[in-house]
Amino acid sequence: MKIEEQVLNIEQMKHLQELGVDTSDASMCWVTGEDTFTGEEEWNLCIPNHFLLPYNIPTYTTGDLIEKLPKTIGIYHLMIDWNLMRIEYTNWSWQESVFRECFTLNDKPLINTLYDCLCWVAENHKELLDVRNE
């Protein structure tokens, strides 16, 4: 799997920023440059550093997205269920499982399902989004 398939694309990151998500905790970034053969603008993935800040767009990896999502929303807990191929906020007991929100993987890559889940949180529970302090 290419590294580009393991991070959010530029449009997805811009959408998260439009939703008000603080993306400063992203572990990678898209950096713009010029293709030496065509002279056209191209984007490359890099690990962020202070020299690139004005010229980059931060991007989340799968791990970043899992870390960014709130682990609980009220009485509902984040659960990634590999058997059922879904990500959900659920209130589970031995008698039943009550869903608050459920995102299925089906034909989508895991990173896109995590992105959908983070968009939902940003639209409905923005106050729960944390920024890592490292």
C-alpha atoms as a PDB file:
ATOM      1  CA  MET A   1       0.000   0.000   0.000  1.00  0.00           C
ATOM      2  CA  LYS A   2       1.368   3.406  -0.953  1.00  0.00           C
ATOM      3  CA  ILE A   3       1.904   5.984   1.774  1.00  0.00           C
ATOM      4  CA  GLU A   4      -0.508   8.319  -0.069  1.00  0.00           C
ATOM      5  CA  GLU A   5      -3.265   5.747   0.576  1.00  0.00           C
ATOM      6  CA  GLN A   6      -2.546   5.805   4.315  1.00  0.00           C
ATOM      7  CA  VAL A   7      -3.145   9.526   4.872  1.00  0.00           C
ATOM      8  CA  LEU A   8      -6.034  11.888   4.198  1.00  0.00           C
ATOM      9  CA  ASN A   9      -5.860  13.803   0.937  1.00  0.00           C
ATOM     10  CA  ILE A  10      -5.618  17.582   0.701  1.00  0.00           C
ATOM     11  CA  GLU A  11      -9.342  18.064   0.083  1.00  0.00           C
ATOM     12  CA  GLN A  12     -10.279  15.963   3.122  1.00  0.00           C
ATOM     13  CA  MET A  13      -7.897  17.946   5.337  1.00  0.00           C
ATOM     14  CA  LYS A  14      -9.225  21.266   4.050  1.00  0.00           C
ATOM     15  CA  HIS A  15     -12.765  20.068   4.788  1.00  0.00           C
ATOM     16  CA  LEU A  16     -11.813  19.188   8.371  1.00  0.00           C
ATOM     17  CA  GLN A  17     -10.283  22.654   8.774  1.00  0.00           C
ATOM     18  CA  GLU A  18     -13.507  24.203   7.411  1.00  0.00           C
ATOM     19  CA  LEU A  19     -15.414  22.232  10.065  1.00  0.00           C
ATOM     20  CA  GLY A  20     -13.208  23.880  12.687  1.00  0.00           C
ATOM     21  CA  VAL A  21     -11.003  20.882  13.492  1.00  0.00           C
ATOM     22  CA  ASP A  22      -7.592  21.942  14.794  1.00  0.00           C
ATOM     23  CA  THR A  23      -5.254  19.946  12.543  1.00  0.00           C
ATOM     24  CA  SER A  24      -2.011  21.170  14.094  1.00  0.00           C
ATOM     25  CA  ASP A  25      -1.501  17.759  15.716  1.00  0.00           C
ATOM     26  CA  ALA A  26      -1.166  15.912  12.379  1.00  0.00           C
ATOM     27  CA  SER A  27       1.903  13.696  12.150  1.00  0.00           C
ATOM     28  CA  MET A  28       2.448  14.252   8.411  1.00  0.00           C
ATOM     29  CA  CYS A  29       1.976  17.069   5.923  1.00  0.00           C
ATOM     30  CA  TRP A  30       1.553  17.678   2.211  1.00  0.00           C
ATOM     31  CA  VAL A  31       4.302  19.958   0.890  1.00  0.00           C
ATOM     32  CA  THR A  32       4.056  21.753  -2.427  1.00  0.00           C
ATOM     33  CA  GLY A  33       6.891  21.899  -4.881  1.00  0.00           C
ATOM     34  CA  GLU A  34       7.559  22.117  -8.579  1.00  0.00           C
ATOM     35  CA  ASP A  35       8.017  19.047 -10.784  1.00  0.00           C
ATOM     36  CA  THR A  36      11.471  19.465 -12.320  1.00  0.00           C
ATOM     37  CA  PHE A  37      10.381  17.877 -15.625  1.00  0.00           C
ATOM     38  CA  THR A  38       6.989  19.508 -16.218  1.00  0.00           C
ATOM     39  CA  GLY A  39       7.321  22.677 -14.144  1.00  0.00           C
ATOM     40  CA  GLU A  40       3.869  21.967 -12.664  1.00  0.00           C
ATOM     41  CA  GLU A  41       3.011  22.122  -8.984  1.00  0.00           C
ATOM     42  CA  GLU A  42       3.156  18.767  -7.184  1.00  0.00           C
ATOM     43  CA  TRP A  43       2.424  17.667  -3.638  1.00  0.00           C
ATOM     44  CA  ASN A  44       4.667  15.366  -1.612  1.00  0.00           C
ATOM     45  CA  LEU A  45       4.281  13.834   1.834  1.00  0.00           C
ATOM     46  CA  CYS A  46       6.714  14.861   4.560  1.00  0.00           C
ATOM     47  CA  ILE A  47       7.069  14.780   8.304  1.00  0.00           C
ATOM     48  CA  PRO A  48       6.303  18.340   9.441  1.00  0.00           C
ATOM     49  CA  ASN A  49       9.039  20.619  10.712  1.00  0.00           C
ATOM     50  CA  HIS A  50       9.239  24.324  11.464  1.00  0.00           C
ATOM     51  CA  PHE A  51      10.994  25.068   8.157  1.00  0.00           C
ATOM     52  CA  LEU A  52       8.011  23.844   6.107  1.00  0.00           C
ATOM     53  CA  LEU A  53       5.185  25.483   8.063  1.00  0.00           C
ATOM     54  CA  PRO A  54       4.238  28.223   5.576  1.00  0.00           C
ATOM     55  CA  TYR A  55       4.283  25.785   2.649  1.00  0.00           C
ATOM     56  CA  ASN A  56       2.371  22.765   3.861  1.00  0.00           C
ATOM     57  CA  ILE A  57      -1.027  21.300   4.608  1.00  0.00           C
ATOM     58  CA  PRO A  58      -1.086  18.992   7.644  1.00  0.00           C
ATOM     59  CA  THR A  59      -2.505  15.517   7.082  1.00  0.00           C
ATOM     60  CA  TYR A  60      -3.747  12.742   9.332  1.00  0.00           C
ATOM     61  CA  THR A  61      -2.684   9.122   9.245  1.00  0.00           C
ATOM     62  CA  THR A  62      -4.992   6.287  10.305  1.00  0.00           C
ATOM     63  CA  GLY A  63      -3.342   6.350  13.742  1.00  0.00           C
ATOM     64  CA  ASP A  64      -3.830  10.119  14.031  1.00  0.00           C
ATOM     65  CA  LEU A  65      -7.548   9.745  13.305  1.00  0.00           C
ATOM     66  CA  ILE A  66      -8.005   6.992  15.899  1.00  0.00           C
ATOM     67  CA  GLU A  67      -6.154   9.141  18.446  1.00  0.00           C
ATOM     68  CA  LYS A  68      -8.174  12.260  17.527  1.00  0.00           C
ATOM     69  CA  LEU A  69     -11.613  10.670  17.894  1.00  0.00           C
ATOM     70  CA  PRO A  70     -13.185  11.039  21.337  1.00  0.00           C
ATOM     71  CA  LYS A  71     -13.273   7.677  23.084  1.00  0.00           C
ATOM     72  CA  THR A  72     -16.665   8.443  24.628  1.00  0.00           C
ATOM     73  CA  ILE A  73     -19.636  10.621  23.776  1.00  0.00           C
ATOM     74  CA  GLY A  74     -21.825  10.721  26.869  1.00  0.00           C
ATOM     75  CA  ILE A  75     -22.650   7.081  27.674  1.00  0.00           C
ATOM     76  CA  TYR A  76     -21.552   5.865  24.232  1.00  0.00           C
ATOM     77  CA  HIS A  77     -18.073   4.394  23.683  1.00  0.00           C
ATOM     78  CA  LEU A  78     -15.986   4.322  20.522  1.00  0.00           C
ATOM     79  CA  MET A  79     -15.654   0.796  19.182  1.00  0.00           C
ATOM     80  CA  ILE A  80     -13.862  -0.388  16.060  1.00  0.00           C
ATOM     81  CA  ASP A  81     -15.367  -3.765  15.229  1.00  0.00           C
ATOM     82  CA  TRP A  82     -13.257  -5.679  12.690  1.00  0.00           C
ATOM     83  CA  ASN A  83     -15.666  -8.635  12.532  1.00  0.00           C
ATOM     84  CA  LEU A  84     -18.645  -6.482  11.549  1.00  0.00           C
ATOM     85  CA  MET A  85     -16.472  -4.012   9.610  1.00  0.00           C
ATOM     86  CA  ARG A  86     -17.730  -0.896  11.349  1.00  0.00           C
ATOM     87  CA  ILE A  87     -16.787   1.974  13.611  1.00  0.00           C
ATOM     88  CA  GLU A  88     -19.448   2.951  16.089  1.00  0.00           C
ATOM     89  CA  TYR A  89     -20.330   4.866  19.193  1.00  0.00           C
ATOM     90  CA  THR A  90     -22.267   2.319  21.201  1.00  0.00           C
ATOM     91  CA  ASN A  91     -23.614   1.687  24.687  1.00  0.00           C
ATOM     92  CA  TRP A  92     -23.058  -2.021  25.040  1.00  0.00           C
ATOM     93  CA  SER A  93     -24.244  -4.321  27.787  1.00  0.00           C
ATOM     94  CA  TRP A  94     -24.577  -8.083  27.957  1.00  0.00           C
ATOM     95  CA  GLN A  95     -28.266  -7.717  27.069  1.00  0.00           C
ATOM     96  CA  GLU A  96     -28.098  -5.375  24.102  1.00  0.00           C
ATOM     97  CA  SER A  97     -26.083  -2.882  22.142  1.00  0.00           C
ATOM     98  CA  VAL A  98     -27.567   0.566  21.556  1.00  0.00           C
ATOM     99  CA  PHE A  99     -25.955   2.628  18.804  1.00  0.00           C
ATOM    100  CA  ARG A 100     -25.501   6.378  18.844  1.00  0.00           C
ATOM    101  CA  GLU A 101     -23.786   6.425  15.458  1.00  0.00           C
ATOM    102  CA  CYS A 102     -22.369   3.715  13.215  1.00  0.00           C
ATOM    103  CA  PHE A 103     -20.000   3.964  10.228  1.00  0.00           C
ATOM    104  CA  THR A 104     -19.517   0.886   8.055  1.00  0.00           C
ATOM    105  CA  LEU A 105     -16.322   0.084   6.191  1.00  0.00           C
ATOM    106  CA  ASN A 106     -17.936  -2.078   3.462  1.00  0.00           C
ATOM    107  CA  ASP A 107     -16.090  -1.036   0.286  1.00  0.00           C
ATOM    108  CA  LYS A 108     -14.258   1.952   1.799  1.00  0.00           C
ATOM    109  CA  PRO A 109     -10.732   2.010   3.165  1.00  0.00           C
ATOM    110  CA  LEU A 110     -10.482   2.274   6.944  1.00  0.00           C
ATOM    111  CA  ILE A 111      -8.987   5.782   6.723  1.00  0.00           C
ATOM    112  CA  ASN A 112     -12.038   7.094   4.829  1.00  0.00           C
ATOM    113  CA  THR A 113     -14.429   5.590   7.381  1.00  0.00           C
ATOM    114  CA  LEU A 114     -12.427   7.159  10.219  1.00  0.00           C
ATOM    115  CA  TYR A 115     -12.565  10.469   8.318  1.00  0.00           C
ATOM    116  CA  ASP A 116     -16.383  10.201   8.028  1.00  0.00           C
ATOM    117  CA  CYS A 117     -16.570   9.525  11.762  1.00  0.00           C
ATOM    118  CA  LEU A 118     -14.361  12.536  12.597  1.00  0.00           C
ATOM    119  CA  CYS A 119     -16.478  14.765  10.325  1.00  0.00           C
ATOM    120  CA  TRP A 120     -19.589  13.608  12.177  1.00  0.00           C
ATOM    121  CA  VAL A 121     -17.968  14.378  15.539  1.00  0.00           C
ATOM    122  CA  ALA A 122     -16.852  17.829  14.286  1.00  0.00           C
ATOM    123  CA  GLU A 123     -20.376  18.602  13.098  1.00  0.00           C
ATOM    124  CA  ASN A 124     -22.183  17.286  16.186  1.00  0.00           C
ATOM    125  CA  HIS A 125     -19.735  17.257  19.146  1.00  0.00           C
ATOM    126  CA  LYS A 126     -16.893  19.652  18.350  1.00  0.00           C
ATOM    127  CA  GLU A 127     -16.422  20.378  22.044  1.00  0.00           C
ATOM    128  CA  LEU A 128     -15.098  16.803  22.489  1.00  0.00           C
ATOM    129  CA  LEU A 129     -12.202  17.106  20.078  1.00  0.00           C
ATOM    130  CA  ASP A 130      -8.839  17.225  21.817  1.00  0.00           C
ATOM    131  CA  VAL A 131      -5.459  18.317  20.556  1.00  0.00           C
ATOM    132  CA  ARG A 132      -2.492  16.214  21.625  1.00  0.00           C
ATOM    133  CA  ASN A 133       0.168  18.107  23.525  1.00  0.00           C
ATOM    134  CA  GLU A 134       3.516  16.458  22.816  1.00  0.00           C
END
